[in-house]
Amino acid sequence: HEEIELLCVTSKPVFGEFLQFVNDLNDLNGQIERKDHYTFGHSRRVMRYAEALGHRLQLGADHLHNL
């Protein structure tokens, strides 16, 4: 697994909710990996392909994040 570092600066109290969302996604990812290794690998490959395509299309940071 790769570690991701995130810096978020905001005046709104959203960091806790965002952190919970990221933790939920990580938990779901772990459940998928444990349940079905192929599905996990497929999801990772789709993510990397979409990211590479977004870079190739020179999408901005916001669009890449949404992608």
C-alpha atoms as a PDB file:
ATOM      1  CA  HIS A   1       0.000   0.000   0.000  1.00  0.00           C
ATOM      2  CA  GLU A   2       1.093   3.505  -0.718  1.00  0.00           C
ATOM      3  CA  GLU A   3       0.956   6.213   1.890  1.00  0.00           C
ATOM      4  CA  ILE A   4      -0.720   9.458   1.000  1.00  0.00           C
ATOM      5  CA  GLU A   5      -0.061  12.712   2.778  1.00  0.00           C
ATOM      6  CA  LEU A   6      -2.617  15.486   2.681  1.00  0.00           C
ATOM      7  CA  LEU A   7      -2.446  19.070   3.813  1.00  0.00           C
ATOM      8  CA  CYS A   8      -5.770  20.822   4.162  1.00  0.00           C
ATOM      9  CA  VAL A   9      -6.089  24.441   5.232  1.00  0.00           C
ATOM     10  CA  THR A  10      -9.589  25.738   5.776  1.00  0.00           C
ATOM     11  CA  SER A  11     -11.567  28.027   8.017  1.00  0.00           C
ATOM     12  CA  LYS A  12     -14.471  25.600   7.948  1.00  0.00           C
ATOM     13  CA  PRO A  13     -14.717  22.617  10.302  1.00  0.00           C
ATOM     14  CA  VAL A  14     -14.680  20.108   7.444  1.00  0.00           C
ATOM     15  CA  PHE A  15     -11.398  18.329   8.043  1.00  0.00           C
ATOM     16  CA  GLY A  16     -12.892  15.824  10.473  1.00  0.00           C
ATOM     17  CA  GLU A  17     -15.609  14.899   7.990  1.00  0.00           C
ATOM     18  CA  PHE A  18     -13.099  14.652   5.159  1.00  0.00           C
ATOM     19  CA  LEU A  19     -10.777  12.506   7.237  1.00  0.00           C
ATOM     20  CA  GLN A  20     -13.675  10.189   8.090  1.00  0.00           C
ATOM     21  CA  PHE A  21     -14.554   9.972   4.379  1.00  0.00           C
ATOM     22  CA  VAL A  22     -10.955   9.034   3.505  1.00  0.00           C
ATOM     23  CA  ASN A  23     -10.871   6.470   6.317  1.00  0.00           C
ATOM     24  CA  ASP A  24     -14.159   4.983   5.084  1.00  0.00           C
ATOM     25  CA  LEU A  25     -12.719   4.700   1.570  1.00  0.00           C
ATOM     26  CA  ASN A  26      -9.584   3.024   2.921  1.00  0.00           C
ATOM     27  CA  ASP A  27     -11.716   0.596   4.931  1.00  0.00           C
ATOM     28  CA  LEU A  28     -13.805  -0.221   1.864  1.00  0.00           C
ATOM     29  CA  ASN A  29     -10.656  -0.696  -0.179  1.00  0.00           C
ATOM     30  CA  GLY A  30      -9.302  -3.110   2.444  1.00  0.00           C
ATOM     31  CA  GLN A  31     -12.569  -5.052   2.500  1.00  0.00           C
ATOM     32  CA  ILE A  32     -12.495  -5.383  -1.281  1.00  0.00           C
ATOM     33  CA  GLU A  33      -8.880  -6.525  -1.188  1.00  0.00           C
ATOM     34  CA  ARG A  34      -9.631  -9.167   1.410  1.00  0.00           C
ATOM     35  CA  LYS A  35     -12.805 -10.351  -0.325  1.00  0.00           C
ATOM     36  CA  ASP A  36     -11.720 -10.353  -3.924  1.00  0.00           C
ATOM     37  CA  HIS A  37      -8.112  -9.697  -4.863  1.00  0.00           C
ATOM     38  CA  TYR A  38      -8.961  -9.454  -8.572  1.00  0.00           C
ATOM     39  CA  THR A  39     -11.540  -6.703  -7.965  1.00  0.00           C
ATOM     40  CA  PHE A  40      -9.011  -4.809  -5.867  1.00  0.00           C
ATOM     41  CA  GLY A  41      -6.388  -5.061  -8.611  1.00  0.00           C
ATOM     42  CA  HIS A  42      -8.894  -4.059 -11.256  1.00  0.00           C
ATOM     43  CA  SER A  43      -9.922  -0.992  -9.255  1.00  0.00           C
ATOM     44  CA  ARG A  44      -6.279   0.040  -8.860  1.00  0.00           C
ATOM     45  CA  ARG A  45      -5.618  -0.404 -12.574  1.00  0.00           C
ATOM     46  CA  VAL A  46      -8.689   1.661 -13.510  1.00  0.00           C
ATOM     47  CA  MET A  47      -7.592   4.383 -11.071  1.00  0.00           C
ATOM     48  CA  ARG A  48      -4.077   4.517 -12.540  1.00  0.00           C
ATOM     49  CA  TYR A  49      -5.359   4.479 -16.126  1.00  0.00           C
ATOM     50  CA  ALA A  50      -7.819   7.316 -15.410  1.00  0.00           C
ATOM     51  CA  GLU A  51      -5.099   9.323 -13.691  1.00  0.00           C
ATOM     52  CA  ALA A  52      -2.671   8.839 -16.587  1.00  0.00           C
ATOM     53  CA  LEU A  53      -5.367   9.810 -19.073  1.00  0.00           C
ATOM     54  CA  GLY A  54      -6.184  12.926 -17.050  1.00  0.00           C
ATOM     55  CA  HIS A  55      -2.525  13.950 -17.041  1.00  0.00           C
ATOM     56  CA  ARG A  56      -2.270  13.273 -20.770  1.00  0.00           C
ATOM     57  CA  LEU A  57      -5.316  15.496 -21.332  1.00  0.00           C
ATOM     58  CA  GLN A  58      -3.627  18.139 -19.159  1.00  0.00           C
ATOM     59  CA  LEU A  59      -6.566  18.389 -16.792  1.00  0.00           C
ATOM     60  CA  GLY A  60      -6.245  20.839 -13.934  1.00  0.00           C
ATOM     61  CA  ALA A  61      -5.668  19.735 -10.358  1.00  0.00           C
ATOM     62  CA  ASP A  62      -9.372  20.032  -9.450  1.00  0.00           C
ATOM     63  CA  HIS A  63     -10.442  17.863 -12.373  1.00  0.00           C
ATOM     64  CA  LEU A  64      -7.740  15.300 -11.618  1.00  0.00           C
ATOM     65  CA  HIS A  65      -8.864  15.168  -7.999  1.00  0.00           C
ATOM     66  CA  ASN A  66     -12.482  14.593  -9.055  1.00  0.00           C
ATOM     67  CA  LEU A  67     -11.403  11.997 -11.579  1.00  0.00           C
END
